[in-house]
Amino acid sequence: MAYRVKVIRKRAERLERKRMQNYKVHAERLSAFEELLNEIYTVCRPKPSDYEVRKDLISVFNEIAKDIYGRSGNVPVVEEFGSFVMDLFHSKSDLDLSVNFDNSSVKVSHEKKIQTLRKFARKLYALQRYGHVSGVHPITAAKVPILKVVDCGTKIECDISVENRDGVSKSKIIHMICSLDERFQKLSFLMKAWAKAQNINSSRDKTLNSLSVILLVAFHLQTRNPPILPPFSAILEDGSDPEAVAKSLNKFVNYGKRNTESVAELLITLLIKLLSIEKLWAKGLCASTYEASWLSKTWDSKVCSISVEDFTDRSQNVARAVGKGEVKRIYKCIQRTSEYISAFMDGLVEVPTLKYHLFGHAAPFQESSQIRNIKEDGNIITVPRRDIKNKEDQSKEGQKGSQLTIPSEPIATKRKWSTEGWEGLTSASWGQSKEEDGVPPNFPRTKGKWSTEGWEGVPSVIWEQSKEDRVPPDSPWTKRKRSEETPGGTSSAVWLGKSDTKSWSKRKHNNKYAPKAKWSKMQTGGWGGS
């Protein structure tokens, strides 16, 4: 086994070096790429209000938990985890929540988790009938059962699971590791935004989940020369609980200081690394952040499409959801992105086009004159007019200015870059076959509505009931009225009460349903209608 690991590790490293050897860059273009990434990072980072509305949602879900379990004496706590805790979320990110009971030493069975979610579902179905929430949808067939629901006021989709303490702990650890070097946090955020724009960031669609993307970024930073992040085994040496990790991280302050690579360089070399080992995933190659090296690994005697080891439970592959067909789509996106960057370095593509291809609608708004509708695979999609200039355009540029055109062929392959700007850095061509169309893939599509079916004994709608009877009397949303200024103007929502005219945000805190923080901003027509 050790010999096999050694062989596949050497092969992966050799393939990466070989691909890197052909790559050279213009220092000025690399600097422009860095500015582009900084702009996207600044624009897409969450605002203070994004933090507040999520905290308010967490408070209300805890009030719902008290409604459900208030008389039992064992009221669970609804805790956040995932991208919100890691501080790697944006304004439209989902909110991951875990319903955790007091006795953490007792393992909760799969059946009890489903029963717990069923209790929350009954409450949420009732609230859905009045328009407070939408898309209540249980998913019990998954390895980790979850309940999906969308807050109608903020449009934030919440994924509720039960006793997901491992997810809570892991999220806190990654957030702490981000403090070692800001490049980890920044590159993780940008790669998540890129994957989302390419529509390859969903385990539900058998592509990469966010944790897989983040750990691939961490692995890349661990394997740079010199390394930017230490092996996670060293960080977890004194224990994997957040308190022990916090103390351990003091030993690694300024660990990656000797590495001076920019975020732009790291993003490019990460794509090169992934392209170079594409064929090795099927041979059992696995990225291990725990050991900070490549491993040869199978999962239940099977080889996965992509293998990224879980650093707290090494028996798990966090990329296990990636399908065989979907991995080809993932690599097609990587190939196209690398080709666009190559063309940008050659001066054939300018910043607006590169920005749109990498980050799609996350990029700042573009004028209608800069975009064009085209047909791809039978679908009409909107893409920027590409400023890829041929030699004739360049000769006329001084007289007529830049002409934005859509080429009849994909971006030219195997571009060579200048030798400036990469100290000791070699790379490979990001060629694309002529069969590829070179057109950016469809960007994030509108998610379909969730079904409200799936829980036995839970009616979808009770048409005969009056409006007052359709909402449980103990609902946290009963008899509330709210009005609040929002960035888009004044939005208000009547919370089912006629006699109670106090604002939700101004209610006294002795009311058991009134959280200390203001409730999240509601859109008109959300919580009970205009």
Protein backbone atom coordinates (compact mmCIF):
# COMPACT_ATOMS: atom_id res chain seq x y z
CA MET A 1 0.00 0.00 0.00
CA ALA A 2 2.80 2.41 0.91
CA TYR A 3 4.52 1.66 -2.40
CA ARG A 4 1.29 2.39 -4.30
CA VAL A 5 0.87 5.70 -2.51
CA LYS A 6 4.45 6.65 -3.31
CA VAL A 7 4.03 5.80 -7.00
CA ILE A 8 0.79 7.71 -7.55
CA ARG A 9 2.08 10.70 -5.57
CA LYS A 10 5.22 10.93 -7.70
CA ARG A 11 3.18 10.59 -10.85
CA ALA A 12 0.84 13.40 -9.82
CA GLU A 13 3.76 15.68 -8.97
CA ARG A 14 5.52 14.87 -12.25
CA LEU A 15 2.41 15.60 -14.32
CA GLU A 16 1.95 18.93 -12.55
CA ARG A 17 5.58 19.96 -13.15
CA LYS A 18 5.32 18.98 -16.81
CA ARG A 19 2.16 21.03 -17.35
CA MET A 20 3.66 24.00 -15.53
CA GLN A 21 6.80 24.08 -17.67
CA ASN A 22 5.09 25.55 -20.73
CA TYR A 23 3.47 28.43 -18.88
CA LYS A 24 4.97 31.88 -18.75
CA VAL A 25 3.22 35.17 -18.04
CA HIS A 26 3.33 38.91 -18.57
CA ALA A 27 3.79 40.63 -15.23
CA GLU A 28 1.44 43.47 -16.24
CA ARG A 29 -1.37 41.10 -17.22
CA LEU A 30 -0.92 39.14 -14.01
CA SER A 31 -1.24 42.38 -12.05
CA ALA A 32 -4.43 43.24 -13.96
CA PHE A 33 -5.81 39.79 -13.15
CA GLU A 34 -5.05 40.34 -9.46
CA GLU A 35 -6.97 43.65 -9.59
CA LEU A 36 -9.92 41.88 -11.22
CA LEU A 37 -10.01 39.28 -8.42
CA ASN A 38 -9.77 41.96 -5.75
CA GLU A 39 -12.69 43.82 -7.32
CA ILE A 40 -14.88 40.72 -7.43
CA TYR A 41 -13.96 39.85 -3.85
CA THR A 42 -14.85 43.35 -2.64
CA VAL A 43 -18.14 43.52 -4.57
CA CYS A 44 -19.36 40.06 -3.58
CA ARG A 45 -18.42 40.08 0.09
CA PRO A 46 -21.44 40.17 2.45
CA LYS A 47 -22.60 43.48 3.88
CA PRO A 48 -23.36 44.02 7.60
CA SER A 49 -27.07 43.59 6.87
CA ASP A 50 -26.39 40.12 5.42
CA TYR A 51 -24.97 39.03 8.78
CA GLU A 52 -27.88 40.59 10.68
CA VAL A 53 -30.70 38.94 8.73
CA ARG A 54 -29.10 35.51 9.15
CA LYS A 55 -28.71 36.01 12.88
CA ASP A 56 -32.36 37.03 13.05
CA LEU A 57 -33.40 33.89 11.15
CA ILE A 58 -31.43 31.75 13.61
CA SER A 59 -33.25 33.47 16.51
CA VAL A 60 -36.67 32.75 15.01
CA PHE A 61 -35.86 29.10 14.33
CA ASN A 62 -34.88 28.80 17.99
CA GLU A 63 -38.26 30.28 18.94
CA ILE A 64 -39.93 27.65 16.76
CA ALA A 65 -37.93 24.97 18.60
CA LYS A 66 -39.26 26.31 21.91
CA ASP A 67 -42.81 26.14 20.54
CA ILE A 68 -42.34 22.51 19.55
CA TYR A 69 -40.45 21.25 22.62
CA GLY A 70 -41.35 23.83 25.26
CA ARG A 71 -43.29 21.39 27.50
CA SER A 72 -40.89 18.46 27.13
CA GLY A 73 -38.02 20.02 29.08
CA ASN A 74 -35.53 19.05 26.37
CA VAL A 75 -35.55 22.05 24.07
CA PRO A 76 -32.90 21.77 21.31
CA VAL A 77 -30.70 24.63 20.15
CA VAL A 78 -30.67 25.56 16.46
CA GLU A 79 -27.05 26.30 15.52
CA GLU A 80 -25.59 27.68 12.33
CA PHE A 81 -22.71 26.07 10.42
CA GLY A 82 -21.31 25.97 6.90
CA SER A 83 -20.34 29.00 4.81
CA PHE A 84 -21.93 31.49 7.23
CA VAL A 85 -19.76 30.30 10.13
CA MET A 86 -16.68 30.04 7.89
CA ASP A 87 -17.37 33.60 6.68
CA LEU A 88 -17.25 32.36 3.09
CA PHE A 89 -20.83 33.23 2.17
CA HIS A 90 -22.44 35.92 0.02
CA SER A 91 -25.84 37.57 0.20
CA LYS A 92 -27.61 34.77 -1.73
CA SER A 93 -25.91 31.83 0.00
CA ASP A 94 -27.96 29.16 1.75
CA LEU A 95 -28.03 29.08 5.54
CA ASP A 96 -27.11 25.71 7.08
CA LEU A 97 -28.72 24.97 10.45
CA SER A 98 -28.40 22.06 12.87
CA VAL A 99 -30.95 21.14 15.56
CA ASN A 100 -28.80 20.01 18.50
CA PHE A 101 -30.08 18.51 21.77
CA ASP A 102 -28.40 18.93 25.16
CA ASN A 103 -27.05 15.41 25.56
CA SER A 104 -24.36 15.36 22.87
CA SER A 105 -22.89 12.07 24.18
CA VAL A 106 -25.96 10.11 23.09
CA LYS A 107 -25.97 9.28 19.39
CA VAL A 108 -29.23 10.21 17.69
CA SER A 109 -30.58 7.53 15.37
CA HIS A 110 -31.46 8.16 11.75
CA GLU A 111 -35.14 7.56 12.56
CA LYS A 112 -35.15 10.13 15.38
CA LYS A 113 -33.55 12.70 13.09
CA ILE A 114 -36.38 12.22 10.61
CA GLN A 115 -38.97 12.46 13.41
CA THR A 116 -37.41 15.73 14.57
CA LEU A 117 -37.48 17.18 11.07
CA ARG A 118 -41.12 16.05 10.75
CA LYS A 119 -42.04 18.14 13.79
CA PHE A 120 -40.38 21.20 12.29
CA ALA A 121 -42.02 20.48 8.94
CA ARG A 122 -45.54 20.49 10.45
CA LYS A 123 -44.88 23.90 11.95
CA LEU A 124 -43.38 25.25 8.74
CA TYR A 125 -46.17 23.87 6.54
CA ALA A 126 -48.65 25.86 8.63
CA LEU A 127 -46.54 29.00 8.23
CA GLN A 128 -46.19 28.31 4.53
CA ARG A 129 -49.97 28.35 4.09
CA TYR A 130 -50.00 31.92 5.34
CA GLY A 131 -47.05 33.03 3.20
CA HIS A 132 -44.30 33.42 5.81
CA VAL A 133 -42.12 30.72 4.26
CA SER A 134 -42.11 28.73 1.04
CA GLY A 135 -40.57 25.64 -0.51
CA VAL A 136 -40.87 23.45 2.60
CA HIS A 137 -39.32 20.24 1.35
CA PRO A 138 -37.98 17.23 3.29
CA ILE A 139 -35.14 15.14 1.86
CA THR A 140 -34.95 11.92 3.87
CA ALA A 141 -33.17 9.70 1.36
CA ALA A 142 -29.88 11.57 1.75
CA LYS A 143 -27.14 10.28 4.03
CA VAL A 144 -27.81 13.34 6.19
CA PRO A 145 -31.61 13.98 6.24
CA ILE A 146 -32.45 17.65 5.79
CA LEU A 147 -35.47 19.91 5.64
CA LYS A 148 -35.39 22.76 3.12
CA VAL A 149 -37.34 25.97 3.58
CA VAL A 150 -37.14 29.47 2.09
CA ASP A 151 -37.78 32.62 4.11
CA CYS A 152 -40.18 34.70 2.02
CA GLY A 153 -38.91 38.00 3.40
CA THR A 154 -35.18 37.58 2.72
CA LYS A 155 -35.40 34.81 0.07
CA ILE A 156 -32.71 32.93 2.02
CA GLU A 157 -32.92 29.16 1.63
CA CYS A 158 -32.32 27.28 4.89
CA ASP A 159 -31.15 23.67 5.11
CA ILE A 160 -32.07 22.18 8.50
CA SER A 161 -30.39 18.99 9.74
CA VAL A 162 -30.32 17.28 13.15
CA GLU A 163 -27.29 16.74 15.41
CA ASN A 164 -24.79 17.82 12.76
CA ARG A 165 -22.19 18.66 15.38
CA ASP A 166 -19.40 17.52 13.10
CA GLY A 167 -20.44 20.13 10.55
CA VAL A 168 -20.58 22.83 13.24
CA SER A 169 -17.11 21.91 14.53
CA LYS A 170 -15.58 21.64 11.06
CA SER A 171 -16.93 25.04 10.06
CA LYS A 172 -15.42 26.69 13.14
CA ILE A 173 -12.04 25.04 12.49
CA ILE A 174 -11.89 26.22 8.87
CA HIS A 175 -12.84 29.73 9.96
CA MET A 176 -9.94 29.73 12.44
CA ILE A 177 -7.48 28.36 9.87
CA CYS A 178 -8.46 31.20 7.53
CA SER A 179 -6.94 33.56 10.08
CA LEU A 180 -3.47 32.07 9.46
CA ASP A 181 -3.27 33.54 5.96
CA GLU A 182 -5.80 35.80 4.27
CA ARG A 183 -5.05 34.19 0.91
CA PHE A 184 -6.82 31.01 2.07
CA GLN A 185 -10.01 32.88 2.88
CA LYS A 186 -9.82 35.00 -0.26
CA LEU A 187 -9.06 32.19 -2.72
CA SER A 188 -11.70 29.94 -1.15
CA PHE A 189 -14.32 32.68 -1.53
CA LEU A 190 -13.36 33.34 -5.17
CA MET A 191 -13.26 29.66 -6.13
CA LYS A 192 -16.70 29.15 -4.57
CA ALA A 193 -18.01 32.14 -6.55
CA TRP A 194 -16.41 30.73 -9.71
CA ALA A 195 -17.90 27.26 -9.16
CA LYS A 196 -21.32 28.80 -8.52
CA ALA A 197 -21.11 30.86 -11.73
CA GLN A 198 -20.17 27.73 -13.69
CA ASN A 199 -23.11 25.84 -12.13
CA ILE A 200 -20.83 23.16 -10.65
CA ASN A 201 -21.29 23.93 -6.94
CA SER A 202 -24.09 21.61 -5.81
CA SER A 203 -23.93 18.12 -4.34
CA ARG A 204 -27.63 17.88 -5.21
CA ASP A 205 -26.63 18.11 -8.89
CA LYS A 206 -23.73 15.67 -8.38
CA THR A 207 -21.07 18.35 -8.66
CA LEU A 208 -18.70 19.88 -6.10
CA ASN A 209 -20.08 20.94 -2.74
CA SER A 210 -18.56 23.98 -1.03
CA LEU A 211 -16.48 21.97 1.43
CA SER A 212 -14.82 20.10 -1.45
CA VAL A 213 -13.87 23.40 -3.11
CA ILE A 214 -12.51 24.85 0.13
CA LEU A 215 -10.43 21.75 0.96
CA LEU A 216 -9.01 21.63 -2.59
CA VAL A 217 -7.90 25.24 -2.08
CA ALA A 218 -6.38 24.37 1.30
CA PHE A 219 -4.59 21.36 -0.22
CA HIS A 220 -3.14 23.56 -2.96
CA LEU A 221 -1.80 26.05 -0.41
CA GLN A 222 -0.31 23.20 1.62
CA THR A 223 1.57 21.84 -1.40
CA ARG A 224 3.08 25.10 -2.66
CA ASN A 225 6.82 25.63 -2.31
CA PRO A 226 7.24 27.02 0.27
CA PRO A 227 3.88 25.95 1.79
CA ILE A 228 1.34 28.54 2.87
CA LEU A 229 -0.70 26.31 5.22
CA PRO A 230 0.56 23.51 7.52
CA PRO A 231 -0.79 19.92 7.40
CA PHE A 232 -4.08 19.78 9.27
CA SER A 233 -2.68 16.84 11.27
CA ALA A 234 -0.32 19.31 12.96
CA ILE A 235 -3.15 21.73 13.68
CA LEU A 236 -5.30 18.92 15.16
CA GLU A 237 -2.45 17.40 17.17
CA ASP A 238 -3.94 18.47 20.52
CA GLY A 239 -7.53 17.61 19.59
CA SER A 240 -10.16 18.43 17.00
CA ASP A 241 -12.51 20.46 19.20
CA PRO A 242 -12.51 24.19 18.35
CA GLU A 243 -10.99 25.21 21.69
CA ALA A 244 -7.96 22.93 21.24
CA VAL A 245 -7.53 24.05 17.62
CA ALA A 246 -7.58 27.72 18.66
CA LYS A 247 -4.65 27.10 21.03
CA SER A 248 -2.78 25.00 18.48
CA LEU A 249 -2.96 27.70 15.81
CA ASN A 250 -0.74 29.96 17.90
CA LYS A 251 2.19 27.77 16.84
CA PHE A 252 1.60 28.54 13.16
CA VAL A 253 1.38 32.33 13.11
CA ASN A 254 3.14 33.64 9.97
CA TYR A 255 3.60 30.04 8.77
CA GLY A 256 3.22 30.94 5.08
CA LYS A 257 5.05 34.27 5.21
CA ARG A 258 7.97 33.02 3.07
CA ASN A 259 5.61 32.35 0.17
CA THR A 260 4.90 35.62 -1.64
CA GLU A 261 2.57 34.35 -4.38
CA SER A 262 -0.46 36.49 -5.14
CA VAL A 263 -4.04 35.25 -5.18
CA ALA A 264 -3.98 35.46 -8.98
CA GLU A 265 -0.92 33.20 -9.17
CA LEU A 266 -2.45 30.75 -6.73
CA LEU A 267 -5.72 30.57 -8.67
CA ILE A 268 -3.90 29.90 -11.93
CA THR A 269 -1.64 27.23 -10.44
CA LEU A 270 -4.62 25.57 -8.75
CA LEU A 271 -6.33 25.18 -12.13
CA ILE A 272 -3.08 23.79 -13.56
CA LYS A 273 -2.85 21.28 -10.72
CA LEU A 274 -6.42 20.09 -11.27
CA LEU A 275 -5.96 19.78 -15.03
CA SER A 276 -2.74 17.82 -14.66
CA ILE A 277 -4.25 15.05 -12.50
CA GLU A 278 -7.60 14.70 -14.26
CA LYS A 279 -6.97 11.09 -15.32
CA LEU A 280 -5.58 10.02 -11.92
CA TRP A 281 -8.82 10.36 -9.96
CA ALA A 282 -10.04 7.12 -11.56
CA LYS A 283 -6.86 5.39 -10.34
CA GLY A 284 -7.56 6.20 -6.70
CA LEU A 285 -5.79 9.55 -6.31
CA CYS A 286 -6.98 11.42 -3.21
CA ALA A 287 -6.19 14.93 -1.91
CA SER A 288 -5.49 14.77 1.83
CA THR A 289 -5.38 18.04 3.78
CA TYR A 290 -4.71 15.98 6.91
CA GLU A 291 -1.34 14.84 5.55
CA ALA A 292 -0.90 17.72 3.08
CA SER A 293 -0.06 15.27 0.28
CA TRP A 294 -1.57 13.06 -2.39
CA LEU A 295 -2.76 9.61 -1.30
CA SER A 296 -4.05 6.49 -3.03
CA LYS A 297 -7.42 5.68 -1.51
CA THR A 298 -10.64 3.79 -2.11
CA TRP A 299 -13.99 4.23 -0.37
CA ASP A 300 -15.76 0.98 0.52
CA SER A 301 -13.52 -0.70 -2.06
CA LYS A 302 -14.68 1.77 -4.70
CA VAL A 303 -12.94 4.60 -6.53
CA CYS A 304 -14.79 7.92 -6.64
CA SER A 305 -14.91 10.43 -9.49
CA ILE A 306 -13.05 12.93 -7.29
CA SER A 307 -11.60 12.13 -3.86
CA VAL A 308 -11.05 14.79 -1.18
CA GLU A 309 -10.44 13.36 2.28
CA ASP A 310 -12.40 14.70 5.25
CA PHE A 311 -9.80 16.03 7.70
CA THR A 312 -11.80 15.18 10.85
CA ASP A 313 -13.22 11.82 9.69
CA ARG A 314 -10.67 10.36 7.30
CA SER A 315 -12.97 7.52 6.32
CA GLN A 316 -15.17 9.99 4.45
CA ASN A 317 -14.80 11.55 1.00
CA VAL A 318 -16.35 15.03 1.04
CA ALA A 319 -16.58 14.94 -2.79
CA ARG A 320 -18.44 11.62 -2.86
CA ALA A 321 -21.50 13.21 -4.50
CA VAL A 322 -19.66 14.00 -7.75
CA GLY A 323 -21.01 11.79 -10.55
CA LYS A 324 -19.10 10.18 -13.42
CA GLY A 325 -20.85 12.30 -16.02
CA GLU A 326 -20.68 15.44 -13.92
CA VAL A 327 -16.91 15.21 -13.42
CA LYS A 328 -16.55 15.67 -17.20
CA ARG A 329 -18.66 18.81 -17.00
CA ILE A 330 -16.54 20.08 -14.11
CA TYR A 331 -13.36 19.58 -16.10
CA LYS A 332 -14.88 21.18 -19.16
CA CYS A 333 -15.44 24.31 -17.04
CA ILE A 334 -11.88 24.20 -15.71
CA GLN A 335 -10.56 23.82 -19.26
CA ARG A 336 -12.58 26.76 -20.59
CA THR A 337 -11.64 28.98 -17.67
CA SER A 338 -7.94 28.22 -18.05
CA GLU A 339 -8.19 28.92 -21.76
CA TYR A 340 -9.80 32.31 -21.15
CA ILE A 341 -7.05 33.20 -18.67
CA SER A 342 -4.44 32.11 -21.21
CA ALA A 343 -6.03 34.33 -23.88
CA PHE A 344 -6.17 37.20 -21.38
CA MET A 345 -2.46 36.84 -20.69
CA ASP A 346 -1.84 36.97 -24.46
CA GLY A 347 -3.86 40.18 -24.75
CA LEU A 348 -6.61 38.54 -26.80
CA VAL A 349 -9.29 38.94 -24.11
CA GLU A 350 -9.87 42.01 -21.99
CA VAL A 351 -10.97 42.37 -18.39
CA PRO A 352 -14.79 42.61 -18.85
CA THR A 353 -14.97 39.38 -20.85
CA LEU A 354 -12.70 37.48 -18.47
CA LYS A 355 -14.61 38.77 -15.47
CA TYR A 356 -17.94 37.69 -16.90
CA HIS A 357 -16.69 34.24 -17.88
CA LEU A 358 -15.17 33.54 -14.48
CA PHE A 359 -17.90 34.93 -12.26
CA GLY A 360 -20.98 35.43 -14.42
CA HIS A 361 -23.73 37.45 -12.78
CA ALA A 362 -21.61 37.94 -9.66
CA ALA A 363 -19.57 40.41 -11.75
CA PRO A 364 -20.62 44.09 -11.66
CA PHE A 365 -23.50 45.04 -13.96
CA GLN A 366 -22.71 45.35 -17.67
CA GLU A 367 -24.44 47.66 -20.11
CA SER A 368 -26.76 46.02 -22.64
CA SER A 369 -24.44 47.14 -25.43
CA GLN A 370 -21.74 44.89 -23.93
CA ILE A 371 -23.80 41.70 -23.99
CA ARG A 372 -25.42 39.57 -26.65
CA ASN A 373 -27.87 36.66 -26.70
CA ILE A 374 -26.60 33.53 -28.42
CA LYS A 375 -27.91 30.00 -28.87
CA GLU A 376 -26.00 27.12 -27.28
CA ASP A 377 -27.24 23.51 -27.05
CA GLY A 378 -30.71 24.69 -28.01
CA ASN A 379 -30.84 27.28 -25.20
CA ILE A 380 -30.69 31.07 -25.49
CA ILE A 381 -28.08 32.46 -23.08
CA THR A 382 -26.68 35.93 -22.49
CA VAL A 383 -22.92 36.41 -22.77
CA PRO A 384 -20.69 39.48 -23.16
CA ARG A 385 -19.59 40.45 -26.62
CA ARG A 386 -16.09 39.06 -26.70
CA ASP A 387 -13.30 41.49 -27.28
CA ILE A 388 -11.03 38.96 -28.95
CA LYS A 389 -9.24 40.93 -31.62
CA ASN A 390 -7.66 39.41 -34.69
CA LYS A 391 -4.69 40.99 -36.41
CA GLU A 392 -6.91 43.02 -38.73
CA ASP A 393 -8.76 44.49 -35.75
CA GLN A 394 -5.49 45.38 -34.07
CA SER A 395 -4.23 47.21 -37.17
CA LYS A 396 -7.44 49.28 -37.30
CA GLU A 397 -7.65 49.86 -33.57
CA GLY A 398 -6.09 53.30 -33.72
CA GLN A 399 -8.63 54.48 -36.30
CA LYS A 400 -11.86 52.78 -35.29
CA GLY A 401 -11.29 51.68 -31.69
CA SER A 402 -11.78 48.19 -30.30
CA GLN A 403 -14.45 46.10 -32.02
CA LEU A 404 -16.15 43.49 -29.84
CA THR A 405 -16.94 40.37 -31.87
CA ILE A 406 -17.89 36.78 -31.30
CA PRO A 407 -15.29 34.55 -32.99
CA SER A 408 -16.41 31.68 -35.19
CA GLU A 409 -13.82 29.43 -33.54
CA PRO A 410 -12.83 28.85 -29.92
CA ILE A 411 -9.98 30.78 -28.37
CA ALA A 412 -6.64 29.78 -29.86
CA THR A 413 -4.93 26.96 -28.00
CA LYS A 414 -1.51 26.45 -26.46
CA ARG A 415 -0.64 30.07 -25.81
CA LYS A 416 2.86 30.80 -24.55
CA TRP A 417 3.42 33.55 -22.04
CA SER A 418 6.46 35.72 -21.36
CA THR A 419 8.96 34.69 -18.74
CA GLU A 420 8.31 37.73 -16.54
CA GLY A 421 6.71 37.52 -13.13
CA TRP A 422 6.96 33.84 -12.18
CA GLU A 423 9.98 33.17 -9.99
CA GLY A 424 10.75 29.49 -10.30
CA LEU A 425 7.24 28.87 -11.59
CA THR A 426 6.59 26.68 -14.58
CA SER A 427 3.31 25.51 -16.03
CA ALA A 428 1.55 24.02 -19.00
CA SER A 429 -0.66 25.01 -21.89
CA TRP A 430 -4.34 25.12 -21.32
CA GLY A 431 -5.25 23.93 -24.79
CA GLN A 432 -8.78 23.26 -25.88
CA SER A 433 -9.81 20.98 -28.69
CA LYS A 434 -11.33 22.51 -31.76
CA GLU A 435 -14.53 20.64 -31.03
CA GLU A 436 -15.03 22.83 -27.94
CA ASP A 437 -17.17 25.86 -28.68
CA GLY A 438 -15.35 28.21 -26.30
CA VAL A 439 -18.63 29.76 -25.19
CA PRO A 440 -19.12 30.26 -21.43
CA PRO A 441 -21.51 27.66 -19.98
CA ASN A 442 -24.91 28.72 -18.73
CA PHE A 443 -24.55 30.74 -15.59
CA PRO A 444 -26.57 30.19 -12.37
CA ARG A 445 -30.09 29.21 -13.30
CA THR A 446 -33.16 30.04 -11.32
CA LYS A 447 -33.84 27.27 -8.87
CA GLY A 448 -37.10 25.43 -9.25
CA LYS A 449 -39.74 25.51 -6.55
CA TRP A 450 -39.61 22.79 -3.94
CA SER A 451 -42.49 20.39 -3.56
CA THR A 452 -44.43 20.47 -0.30
CA GLU A 453 -45.15 16.78 -0.45
CA GLY A 454 -43.28 14.08 1.42
CA TRP A 455 -44.56 13.94 5.00
CA GLU A 456 -47.33 11.45 5.65
CA GLY A 457 -50.27 12.94 7.39
CA VAL A 458 -49.34 16.57 6.60
CA PRO A 459 -51.95 18.28 4.41
CA SER A 460 -50.66 20.67 1.78
CA VAL A 461 -53.53 23.19 1.97
CA ILE A 462 -56.70 23.50 4.01
CA TRP A 463 -58.97 25.53 1.77
CA GLU A 464 -62.06 25.46 3.99
CA GLN A 465 -60.42 27.19 6.94
CA SER A 466 -60.59 30.91 7.51
CA LYS A 467 -57.37 32.90 7.44
CA GLU A 468 -57.32 33.03 11.25
CA ASP A 469 -57.74 29.23 11.53
CA ARG A 470 -55.07 28.40 9.02
CA VAL A 471 -52.29 29.60 11.35
CA PRO A 472 -51.62 27.86 14.67
CA PRO A 473 -52.41 30.11 17.65
CA ASP A 474 -48.95 29.41 19.12
CA SER A 475 -47.14 30.40 15.93
CA PRO A 476 -44.21 32.83 16.40
CA TRP A 477 -45.72 34.82 13.56
CA THR A 478 -49.21 35.28 15.15
CA LYS A 479 -50.48 38.78 15.85
CA ARG A 480 -47.53 40.76 14.61
CA LYS A 481 -47.30 43.87 12.53
CA ARG A 482 -44.08 45.14 11.10
CA SER A 483 -42.87 48.05 9.01
CA GLU A 484 -39.31 48.82 8.21
CA GLU A 485 -37.17 50.86 5.86
CA THR A 486 -35.24 48.70 3.43
CA PRO A 487 -32.51 49.57 0.92
CA GLY A 488 -35.13 49.48 -1.84
CA GLY A 489 -37.65 51.68 -0.03
CA THR A 490 -40.27 51.02 2.62
CA SER A 491 -41.44 47.42 2.90
CA SER A 492 -44.08 46.25 5.32
CA ALA A 493 -45.87 43.10 6.22
CA VAL A 494 -48.93 42.54 8.41
CA TRP A 495 -48.25 39.65 10.77
CA LEU A 496 -51.80 38.39 11.12
CA GLY A 497 -52.94 40.68 13.97
CA LYS A 498 -55.47 43.52 13.76
CA SER A 499 -55.50 44.86 17.29
CA ASP A 500 -51.78 44.67 17.92
CA THR A 501 -50.18 47.63 16.15
CA LYS A 502 -46.73 47.57 17.72
CA SER A 503 -43.72 47.04 15.49
CA TRP A 504 -42.04 43.62 15.80
CA SER A 505 -38.71 45.30 16.36
CA LYS A 506 -40.12 47.43 19.21
CA ARG A 507 -41.98 44.72 21.14
CA LYS A 508 -40.97 44.09 24.72
CA HIS A 509 -38.60 41.21 25.21
CA ASN A 510 -40.78 39.55 27.85
CA ASN A 511 -42.91 38.28 24.99
CA LYS A 512 -41.65 34.75 24.39
CA TYR A 513 -41.68 35.17 20.61
CA ALA A 514 -39.88 38.48 20.38
CA PRO A 515 -36.13 37.99 19.77
CA LYS A 516 -33.78 40.71 20.94
CA ALA A 517 -32.64 41.43 17.40
CA LYS A 518 -34.87 42.85 14.69
CA TRP A 519 -36.45 40.37 12.35
CA SER A 520 -34.92 40.27 8.90
CA LYS A 521 -36.06 42.72 6.24
CA MET A 522 -39.27 41.60 4.54
CA GLN A 523 -40.31 42.16 0.96
CA THR A 524 -43.82 43.46 0.31
CA GLY A 525 -46.20 40.57 -0.19
CA GLY A 526 -44.10 38.17 1.87
CA TRP A 527 -45.24 37.68 5.46
CA GLY A 528 -49.00 37.77 5.13
CA GLY A 529 -49.33 39.98 2.06
CA SER A 530 -48.90 43.68 1.38
